[in-house]
């Protein structure tokens, strides 16, 4: 199971993904959250890289 917290990449946000089947699922859920909660519809490559590094398997 994979997980992620917005706080792990420096966001002042309590959002967490828990129990995702893999990093791909975490990325999809996080992308939807980023768009709806943070107004980030097209995350820059550096943010994507931070997110990928912060995913815990």
N, C-alpha and C. Protein backbone atom coordinates (compact mmCIF):
# COMPACT_ATOMS: atom_id res chain seq x y z
N UNK A 1 0.84 -1.18 0.00
CA UNK A 1 0.00 0.00 0.00
C UNK A 1 0.88 1.25 0.00
N UNK A 2 0.47 2.24 -0.75
CA UNK A 2 1.22 3.49 -0.88
C UNK A 2 0.46 4.62 -0.18
N UNK A 3 1.23 5.61 0.29
CA UNK A 3 0.61 6.75 0.97
C UNK A 3 1.37 8.03 0.65
N UNK A 4 0.70 9.15 0.94
CA UNK A 4 1.27 10.47 0.68
C UNK A 4 0.56 11.50 1.55
N UNK A 5 1.30 12.51 2.00
CA UNK A 5 0.73 13.64 2.74
C UNK A 5 1.20 14.93 2.07
N UNK A 6 0.29 15.86 1.85
CA UNK A 6 0.66 17.17 1.31
C UNK A 6 1.73 17.82 2.19
N UNK A 7 1.60 17.66 3.50
CA UNK A 7 2.56 18.28 4.43
C UNK A 7 3.99 17.80 4.18
N UNK A 8 4.14 16.59 3.63
CA UNK A 8 5.48 16.05 3.37
C UNK A 8 6.22 16.80 2.26
N UNK A 9 5.49 17.58 1.47
CA UNK A 9 6.15 18.38 0.43
C UNK A 9 6.04 19.87 0.72
N UNK A 10 5.77 20.19 1.99
CA UNK A 10 5.79 21.58 2.42
C UNK A 10 4.49 22.34 2.28
N UNK A 11 3.41 21.66 1.96
CA UNK A 11 2.12 22.34 1.83
C UNK A 11 1.48 22.44 3.22
N UNK A 12 0.84 23.55 3.49
CA UNK A 12 0.10 23.73 4.74
C UNK A 12 -1.28 23.13 4.54
N UNK A 13 -1.33 21.82 4.51
CA UNK A 13 -2.54 21.10 4.14
C UNK A 13 -2.55 19.75 4.86
N UNK A 14 -3.69 19.35 5.36
CA UNK A 14 -3.81 18.08 6.07
C UNK A 14 -4.19 16.91 5.21
N UNK A 15 -4.21 17.09 3.88
CA UNK A 15 -4.63 16.02 2.98
C UNK A 15 -3.66 14.83 3.03
N UNK A 16 -4.23 13.62 3.05
CA UNK A 16 -3.45 12.39 3.02
C UNK A 16 -4.08 11.39 2.07
N UNK A 17 -3.25 10.62 1.42
CA UNK A 17 -3.69 9.45 0.66
C UNK A 17 -3.17 8.25 1.44
N UNK A 18 -4.06 7.35 1.82
CA UNK A 18 -3.67 6.14 2.54
C UNK A 18 -4.24 4.93 1.83
N UNK A 19 -3.49 3.85 1.80
CA UNK A 19 -4.00 2.60 1.28
C UNK A 19 -4.12 2.51 -0.22
N UNK A 20 -3.45 3.39 -0.94
CA UNK A 20 -3.47 3.31 -2.41
C UNK A 20 -2.72 2.06 -2.84
N UNK A 21 -3.12 1.47 -3.97
CA UNK A 21 -2.49 0.21 -4.38
C UNK A 21 -1.06 0.40 -4.86
N UNK A 22 -0.74 1.60 -5.40
CA UNK A 22 0.61 1.85 -5.89
C UNK A 22 0.83 3.35 -6.07
N UNK A 23 2.05 3.72 -6.48
CA UNK A 23 2.39 5.13 -6.66
C UNK A 23 1.53 5.79 -7.73
N UNK A 24 1.17 5.05 -8.75
CA UNK A 24 0.32 5.60 -9.81
C UNK A 24 -1.04 6.04 -9.30
N UNK A 25 -1.61 5.23 -8.41
CA UNK A 25 -2.90 5.59 -7.82
C UNK A 25 -2.74 6.82 -6.92
N UNK A 26 -1.65 6.88 -6.15
CA UNK A 26 -1.39 8.05 -5.31
C UNK A 26 -1.29 9.29 -6.19
N UNK A 27 -0.56 9.20 -7.28
CA UNK A 27 -0.39 10.36 -8.17
C UNK A 27 -1.74 10.83 -8.73
N UNK A 28 -2.59 9.90 -9.12
CA UNK A 28 -3.90 10.26 -9.67
C UNK A 28 -4.76 10.96 -8.62
N UNK A 29 -4.78 10.41 -7.41
CA UNK A 29 -5.57 11.00 -6.33
C UNK A 29 -5.01 12.37 -5.96
N UNK A 30 -3.69 12.46 -5.85
CA UNK A 30 -3.06 13.73 -5.50
C UNK A 30 -3.28 14.79 -6.57
N UNK A 31 -3.27 14.39 -7.84
CA UNK A 31 -3.50 15.34 -8.92
C UNK A 31 -4.92 15.92 -8.84
N UNK A 32 -5.89 15.06 -8.56
CA UNK A 32 -7.28 15.53 -8.42
C UNK A 32 -7.39 16.47 -7.22
N UNK A 33 -6.73 16.14 -6.12
CA UNK A 33 -6.75 16.99 -4.93
C UNK A 33 -6.07 18.34 -5.22
N UNK A 34 -4.92 18.30 -5.89
CA UNK A 34 -4.19 19.54 -6.20
C UNK A 34 -5.05 20.49 -7.02
N UNK A 35 -5.79 19.93 -7.96
CA UNK A 35 -6.65 20.76 -8.81
C UNK A 35 -7.82 21.33 -8.01
N UNK A 36 -8.50 20.48 -7.25
CA UNK A 36 -9.71 20.95 -6.56
C UNK A 36 -9.42 21.79 -5.32
N UNK A 37 -8.35 21.49 -4.60
CA UNK A 37 -8.09 22.19 -3.34
C UNK A 37 -7.02 23.28 -3.41
N UNK A 38 -6.09 23.12 -4.35
CA UNK A 38 -4.98 24.08 -4.42
C UNK A 38 -4.97 24.88 -5.72
N UNK A 39 -5.91 24.58 -6.63
CA UNK A 39 -5.97 25.32 -7.90
C UNK A 39 -4.82 25.02 -8.83
N UNK A 40 -4.18 23.86 -8.65
CA UNK A 40 -3.04 23.49 -9.50
C UNK A 40 -3.54 22.46 -10.52
N UNK A 41 -3.85 22.94 -11.71
CA UNK A 41 -4.37 22.02 -12.73
C UNK A 41 -3.25 21.38 -13.55
N UNK A 42 -2.12 22.03 -13.60
CA UNK A 42 -0.97 21.49 -14.34
C UNK A 42 0.28 21.69 -13.48
N UNK A 43 0.56 20.71 -12.61
CA UNK A 43 1.68 20.88 -11.69
C UNK A 43 3.02 20.95 -12.42
N UNK A 44 3.90 21.85 -11.99
CA UNK A 44 5.22 21.95 -12.61
C UNK A 44 6.06 20.71 -12.30
N UNK A 45 7.02 20.41 -13.16
CA UNK A 45 7.85 19.20 -12.98
C UNK A 45 8.52 19.09 -11.62
N UNK A 46 8.94 20.21 -11.04
CA UNK A 46 9.60 20.13 -9.73
C UNK A 46 8.63 19.68 -8.63
N UNK A 47 7.37 20.09 -8.74
CA UNK A 47 6.36 19.67 -7.77
C UNK A 47 6.05 18.18 -7.94
N UNK A 48 5.95 17.74 -9.18
CA UNK A 48 5.72 16.31 -9.45
C UNK A 48 6.86 15.48 -8.89
N UNK A 49 8.09 15.93 -9.08
CA UNK A 49 9.24 15.21 -8.56
C UNK A 49 9.22 15.13 -7.03
N UNK A 50 8.85 16.24 -6.38
CA UNK A 50 8.73 16.23 -4.91
C UNK A 50 7.69 15.21 -4.45
N UNK A 51 6.56 15.23 -5.14
CA UNK A 51 5.48 14.31 -4.78
C UNK A 51 5.93 12.87 -4.94
N UNK A 52 6.57 12.56 -6.06
CA UNK A 52 7.02 11.19 -6.31
C UNK A 52 8.01 10.74 -5.22
N UNK A 53 8.89 11.64 -4.79
CA UNK A 53 9.85 11.28 -3.74
C UNK A 53 9.19 11.10 -2.38
N UNK A 54 8.05 11.79 -2.15
CA UNK A 54 7.39 11.76 -0.86
C UNK A 54 6.44 10.57 -0.69
N UNK A 55 6.16 9.85 -1.78
CA UNK A 55 5.26 8.70 -1.69
C UNK A 55 5.94 7.60 -0.88
N UNK A 56 5.22 7.10 0.09
CA UNK A 56 5.72 6.00 0.92
C UNK A 56 5.04 4.70 0.49
N UNK A 57 5.85 3.70 0.24
CA UNK A 57 5.29 2.41 -0.21
C UNK A 57 5.05 1.49 0.97
